[in-house]
C-alpha atoms as a PDB file:
ATOM      1  CA  MET A   1      16.390 105.187 322.735  1.00  0.00           C
ATOM      2  CA  MET A   2      16.812 108.943 322.314  1.00  0.00           C
ATOM      3  CA  LEU A   3      20.614 108.652 322.535  1.00  0.00           C
ATOM      4  CA  ARG A   4      20.571 106.070 319.732  1.00  0.00           C
ATOM      5  CA  LEU A   5      18.404 108.346 317.601  1.00  0.00           C
ATOM      6  CA  SER A   6      20.764 111.266 318.240  1.00  0.00           C
ATOM      7  CA  LEU A   7      23.753 109.150 317.187  1.00  0.00           C
ATOM      8  CA  PHE A   8      21.888 107.964 314.102  1.00  0.00           C
ATOM      9  CA  ALA A   9      20.968 111.556 313.208  1.00  0.00           C
ATOM     10  CA  SER A  10      24.573 112.705 313.641  1.00  0.00           C
ATOM     11  CA  ALA A  11      25.947 109.832 311.566  1.00  0.00           C
ATOM     12  CA  PHE A  12      23.668 110.674 308.639  1.00  0.00           C
ATOM     13  CA  GLY A  13      23.714 114.447 309.028  1.00  0.00           C
ATOM     14  CA  ILE A  14      19.975 114.745 309.626  1.00  0.00           C
ATOM     15  CA  SER A  15      17.865 116.278 312.374  1.00  0.00           C
ATOM     16  CA  SER A  16      16.735 114.225 315.359  1.00  0.00           C
ATOM     17  CA  ALA A  17      13.110 114.737 314.268  1.00  0.00           C
ATOM     18  CA  VAL A  18      13.823 113.226 310.848  1.00  0.00           C
ATOM     19  CA  ALA A  19      15.723 110.333 312.449  1.00  0.00           C
ATOM     20  CA  GLU A  20      12.797 109.677 314.777  1.00  0.00           C
ATOM     21  CA  SER A  21      10.346 109.696 311.875  1.00  0.00           C
ATOM     22  CA  TRP A  22      12.530 107.321 309.831  1.00  0.00           C
ATOM     23  CA  PHE A  23      12.982 104.993 312.787  1.00  0.00           C
ATOM     24  CA  SER A  24       9.243 104.749 313.325  1.00  0.00           C
ATOM     25  CA  LYS A  25       8.436 104.232 309.650  1.00  0.00           C
ATOM     26  CA  PHE A  26      11.079 101.578 309.042  1.00  0.00           C
ATOM     27  CA  PHE A  27      11.128  99.766 312.363  1.00  0.00           C
ATOM     28  CA  GLY A  28       7.591 100.370 313.634  1.00  0.00           C
ATOM     29  CA  GLY A  29       8.829 101.516 317.010  1.00  0.00           C
ATOM     30  CA  GLY A  30       6.993 103.795 319.347  1.00  0.00           C
ATOM     31  CA  ALA A  31       9.418 106.619 318.765  1.00  0.00           C
ATOM     32  CA  VAL A  32       6.878 108.941 317.148  1.00  0.00           C
ATOM     33  CA  GLN A  33       5.917 111.747 319.463  1.00  0.00           C
ATOM     34  CA  THR A  34       2.260 112.597 318.892  1.00  0.00           C
ATOM     35  CA  ALA A  35       0.094 115.494 319.911  1.00  0.00           C
ATOM     36  CA  LYS A  36      -2.193 114.977 322.886  1.00  0.00           C
ATOM     37  CA  VAL A  37      -5.158 112.850 321.910  1.00  0.00           C
ATOM     38  CA  SER A  38      -8.508 113.444 323.636  1.00  0.00           C
ATOM     39  CA  LYS A  39     -10.804 110.664 324.812  1.00  0.00           C
ATOM     40  CA  CYS A  40     -12.909 109.138 322.046  1.00  0.00           C
ATOM     41  CA  PRO A  41     -16.491 109.745 323.283  1.00  0.00           C
ATOM     42  CA  GLY A  42     -18.200 106.339 323.311  1.00  0.00           C
ATOM     43  CA  GLU A  43     -15.017 104.244 323.521  1.00  0.00           C
ATOM     44  CA  VAL A  44     -14.690 101.825 326.431  1.00  0.00           C
ATOM     45  CA  ASN A  45     -11.581 101.295 328.523  1.00  0.00           C
ATOM     46  CA  ARG A  46      -9.603  98.694 326.571  1.00  0.00           C
ATOM     47  CA  GLY A  47      -6.480  99.187 328.670  1.00  0.00           C
ATOM     48  CA  GLY A  48      -3.310 101.118 328.152  1.00  0.00           C
ATOM     49  CA  PRO A  49      -1.937 104.170 329.890  1.00  0.00           C
ATOM     50  CA  GLN A  50      -4.691 106.477 328.588  1.00  0.00           C
ATOM     51  CA  PRO A  51      -8.026 104.665 328.884  1.00  0.00           C
ATOM     52  CA  GLU A  52     -10.696 105.493 326.312  1.00  0.00           C
ATOM     53  CA  THR A  53      -8.219 107.156 323.944  1.00  0.00           C
ATOM     54  CA  CYS A  54      -7.163 105.917 320.518  1.00  0.00           C
ATOM     55  CA  THR A  55      -3.616 105.275 321.746  1.00  0.00           C
ATOM     56  CA  PHE A  56      -3.965 101.910 323.508  1.00  0.00           C
ATOM     57  CA  ASP A  57      -2.373  99.877 320.706  1.00  0.00           C
ATOM     58  CA  SER A  58      -0.605 100.302 317.376  1.00  0.00           C
ATOM     59  CA  THR A  59      -3.651 100.012 315.094  1.00  0.00           C
ATOM     60  CA  HIS A  60      -6.824 101.405 316.736  1.00  0.00           C
ATOM     61  CA  ARG A  61      -5.907 105.060 316.180  1.00  0.00           C
ATOM     62  CA  VAL A  62      -8.956 106.679 314.507  1.00  0.00           C
ATOM     63  CA  CYS A  63     -11.943 107.891 316.554  1.00  0.00           C
ATOM     64  CA  ALA A  64     -14.767 107.138 314.126  1.00  0.00           C
ATOM     65  CA  LEU A  65     -18.287 108.395 314.820  1.00  0.00           C
ATOM     66  CA  LEU A  66     -20.258 105.185 314.341  1.00  0.00           C
ATOM     67  CA  VAL A  67     -23.672 105.956 315.864  1.00  0.00           C
ATOM     68  CA  GLU A  68     -26.069 108.871 316.166  1.00  0.00           C
ATOM     69  CA  LYS A  69     -28.302 109.548 319.131  1.00  0.00           C
ATOM     70  CA  PRO A  70     -31.198 111.690 317.868  1.00  0.00           C
ATOM     71  CA  GLY A  71     -33.900 112.184 320.477  1.00  0.00           C
ATOM     72  CA  GLY A  72     -32.336 109.691 322.870  1.00  0.00           C
ATOM     73  CA  THR A  73     -32.398 106.815 320.379  1.00  0.00           C
ATOM     74  CA  CYS A  74     -29.356 104.983 319.081  1.00  0.00           C
ATOM     75  CA  GLU A  75     -28.964 104.572 315.342  1.00  0.00           C
ATOM     76  CA  LYS A  76     -26.027 103.387 313.274  1.00  0.00           C
ATOM     77  CA  ARG A  77     -24.548 106.335 311.389  1.00  0.00           C
ATOM     78  CA  GLN A  78     -24.594 106.031 307.614  1.00  0.00           C
ATOM     79  CA  TRP A  79     -21.310 106.285 305.742  1.00  0.00           C
ATOM     80  CA  GLY A  80     -22.557 106.698 302.197  1.00  0.00           C
ATOM     81  CA  SER A  81     -24.198 103.409 301.188  1.00  0.00           C
ATOM     82  CA  GLY A  82     -24.237 101.693 304.585  1.00  0.00           C
ATOM     83  CA  ASP A  83     -23.088 101.718 308.180  1.00  0.00           C
ATOM     84  CA  PHE A  84     -19.554 100.984 309.398  1.00  0.00           C
ATOM     85  CA  TRP A  85     -20.225  97.309 310.119  1.00  0.00           C
ATOM     86  CA  GLN A  86     -21.821  96.637 306.721  1.00  0.00           C
ATOM     87  CA  ILE A  87     -19.111  98.414 304.739  1.00  0.00           C
ATOM     88  CA  THR A  88     -16.198  96.787 306.585  1.00  0.00           C
ATOM     89  CA  GLY A  89     -17.792  93.316 306.639  1.00  0.00           C
ATOM     90  CA  GLN A  90     -17.924  93.263 310.434  1.00  0.00           C
ATOM     91  CA  THR A  91     -21.675  92.822 311.029  1.00  0.00           C
ATOM     92  CA  ALA A  92     -20.942  89.823 313.274  1.00  0.00           C
ATOM     93  CA  PHE A  93     -18.996  92.177 315.554  1.00  0.00           C
ATOM     94  CA  ASP A  94     -21.557  95.010 315.759  1.00  0.00           C
ATOM     95  CA  TRP A  95     -20.839  96.868 318.995  1.00  0.00           C
ATOM     96  CA  SER A  96     -23.177  99.838 318.392  1.00  0.00           C
ATOM     97  CA  GLN A  97     -25.191  99.094 321.546  1.00  0.00           C
ATOM     98  CA  GLU A  98     -21.991  99.052 323.594  1.00  0.00           C
ATOM     99  CA  ILE A  99     -21.270 102.586 322.358  1.00  0.00           C
ATOM    100  CA  CYS A 100     -24.842 103.748 322.974  1.00  0.00           C
ATOM    101  CA  THR A 101     -25.048 102.400 326.522  1.00  0.00           C
ATOM    102  CA  ASN A 102     -21.602 103.550 327.677  1.00  0.00           C
ATOM    103  CA  LYS A 103     -22.305 105.560 330.832  1.00  0.00           C
ATOM    104  CA  GLN A 104     -18.648 106.172 331.797  1.00  0.00           C
ATOM    105  CA  ASN A 105     -17.656 107.807 328.501  1.00  0.00           C
ATOM    106  CA  PRO A 106     -20.878 108.664 326.649  1.00  0.00           C
ATOM    107  CA  GLY A 107     -20.668 109.513 322.980  1.00  0.00           C
ATOM    108  CA  GLU A 108     -20.960 108.323 319.406  1.00  0.00           C
ATOM    109  CA  GLY A 109     -17.421 107.153 318.652  1.00  0.00           C
ATOM    110  CA  TRP A 110     -15.097 104.180 318.812  1.00  0.00           C
ATOM    111  CA  CYS A 111     -11.393 103.692 318.114  1.00  0.00           C
ATOM    112  CA  ILE A 112     -11.143 101.812 314.823  1.00  0.00           C
ATOM    113  CA  CYS A 113      -8.168 100.299 313.023  1.00  0.00           C
ATOM    114  CA  MET A 114      -6.214 102.427 310.597  1.00  0.00           C
ATOM    115  CA  TRP A 115      -6.786  99.708 307.971  1.00  0.00           C
ATOM    116  CA  ALA A 116     -10.578  99.879 308.473  1.00  0.00           C
ATOM    117  CA  PHE A 117     -10.453 103.663 308.098  1.00  0.00           C
ATOM    118  CA  ALA A 118      -8.477 103.284 304.856  1.00  0.00           C
ATOM    119  CA  ASP A 119     -10.987 100.699 303.574  1.00  0.00           C
ATOM    120  CA  LEU A 120     -13.896 103.001 304.422  1.00  0.00           C
ATOM    121  CA  ILE A 121     -12.358 105.893 302.515  1.00  0.00           C
ATOM    122  CA  HIS A 122     -11.725 103.623 299.540  1.00  0.00           C
ATOM    123  CA  SER A 123     -15.351 102.387 299.655  1.00  0.00           C
ATOM    124  CA  VAL A 124     -17.335 105.568 300.371  1.00  0.00           C
ATOM    125  CA  GLY A 125     -14.964 108.487 299.806  1.00  0.00           C
ATOM    126  CA  CYS A 126     -13.524 110.929 302.302  1.00  0.00           C
ATOM    127  CA  GLU A 127     -16.617 113.142 302.123  1.00  0.00           C
ATOM    128  CA  ASN A 128     -18.685 110.345 303.713  1.00  0.00           C
ATOM    129  CA  VAL A 129     -16.431 109.480 306.662  1.00  0.00           C
ATOM    130  CA  HIS A 130     -17.195 110.736 310.156  1.00  0.00           C
ATOM    131  CA  LEU A 131     -14.488 111.162 312.774  1.00  0.00           C
ATOM    132  CA  ASP A 132     -13.458 113.130 315.833  1.00  0.00           C
ATOM    133  CA  CYS A 133     -10.135 114.717 314.876  1.00  0.00           C
ATOM    134  CA  SER A 134      -9.227 115.727 318.435  1.00  0.00           C
ATOM    135  CA  ALA A 135      -9.608 112.097 319.548  1.00  0.00           C
ATOM    136  CA  THR A 136      -7.750 110.621 316.556  1.00  0.00           C
ATOM    137  CA  SER A 137      -3.988 109.990 316.682  1.00  0.00           C
ATOM    138  CA  VAL A 138      -3.522 112.083 313.531  1.00  0.00           C
ATOM    139  CA  ASP A 139       0.276 112.427 313.823  1.00  0.00           C
ATOM    140  CA  TYR A 140       0.654 108.703 314.447  1.00  0.00           C
ATOM    141  CA  VAL A 141      -1.504 107.693 311.469  1.00  0.00           C
ATOM    142  CA  LEU A 142       0.360 110.135 309.215  1.00  0.00           C
ATOM    143  CA  SER A 143       3.652 108.533 310.288  1.00  0.00           C
ATOM    144  CA  LYS A 144       2.590 105.059 309.076  1.00  0.00           C
ATOM    145  CA  TYR A 145       2.558 103.763 305.502  1.00  0.00           C
ATOM    146  CA  THR A 146       0.496 100.592 306.002  1.00  0.00           C
ATOM    147  CA  ASP A 147      -1.696  98.842 308.554  1.00  0.00           C
ATOM    148  CA  GLY A 148      -3.077  95.339 308.235  1.00  0.00           C
ATOM    149  CA  GLY A 149      -1.535  95.145 304.772  1.00  0.00           C
ATOM    150  CA  ARG A 150      -3.506  98.184 303.568  1.00  0.00           C
ATOM    151  CA  ASP A 151      -1.941 101.277 302.035  1.00  0.00           C
ATOM    152  CA  LEU A 152      -2.712 104.312 304.208  1.00  0.00           C
ATOM    153  CA  SER A 153      -2.083 107.047 301.613  1.00  0.00           C
ATOM    154  CA  GLY A 154      -5.837 107.643 301.141  1.00  0.00           C
ATOM    155  CA  ALA A 155      -6.241 107.841 304.919  1.00  0.00           C
ATOM    156  CA  HIS A 156      -3.413 110.387 305.050  1.00  0.00           C
ATOM    157  CA  ASP A 157      -5.073 112.569 302.408  1.00  0.00           C
ATOM    158  CA  CYS A 158      -8.452 112.363 304.131  1.00  0.00           C
ATOM    159  CA  LEU A 159      -7.043 113.199 307.574  1.00  0.00           C
ATOM    160  CA  LYS A 160      -5.215 116.201 306.132  1.00  0.00           C
ATOM    161  CA  GLN A 161      -8.448 117.337 304.487  1.00  0.00           C
ATOM    162  CA  LYS A 162     -10.764 116.725 307.449  1.00  0.00           C
ATOM    163  CA  CYS A 163      -8.495 117.552 310.386  1.00  0.00           C
ATOM    164  CA  SER A 164      -6.584 120.613 309.212  1.00  0.00           C
ATOM    165  CA  GLY A 165      -7.335 124.122 310.354  1.00  0.00           C
ATOM    166  CA  GLY A 166      -8.413 123.128 313.849  1.00  0.00           C
ATOM    167  CA  ALA A 167     -11.423 121.037 312.794  1.00  0.00           C
ATOM    168  CA  MET A 168     -12.566 119.046 315.803  1.00  0.00           C
ATOM    169  CA  VAL A 169     -15.385 116.861 314.534  1.00  0.00           C
ATOM    170  CA  ALA A 170     -15.688 116.033 310.842  1.00  0.00           C
ATOM    171  CA  ARG A 171     -19.145 114.755 309.980  1.00  0.00           C
END
């Protein structure tokens, strides 16, 4: 794969990094090299080479903080006007208790789809989204234009705003 990218870069007079970025954007390949992504605290092992990280597939790349645990309780975190499941229309798939009872990787987060993240930003604004930047595949998300038919430009802007300057957790 890298030899092909080098040949492509040479043929078009561009750097290998630019060729790799173009390849990923146009062909959806896994050629994008991303920074190390930490475990998403609360996520379960859904398979892949790095269990409990938001890298196990091509869409679940954002570590969203979906619950709060004040005083040992488990409450759904509010994202502006409602919780994640209400806003995204996924109340039938509410897995908040799975996050709250996870003993192997305790926390408040879950790897959500890039499209769901984009929808959340569109619905409640970037200022009301909660994520763990160190456990989000920021470079990967920024390298994609769409996911699930949704435009990711708002997600790009929000990630740049929330995850720049070494911010770890954006609440």
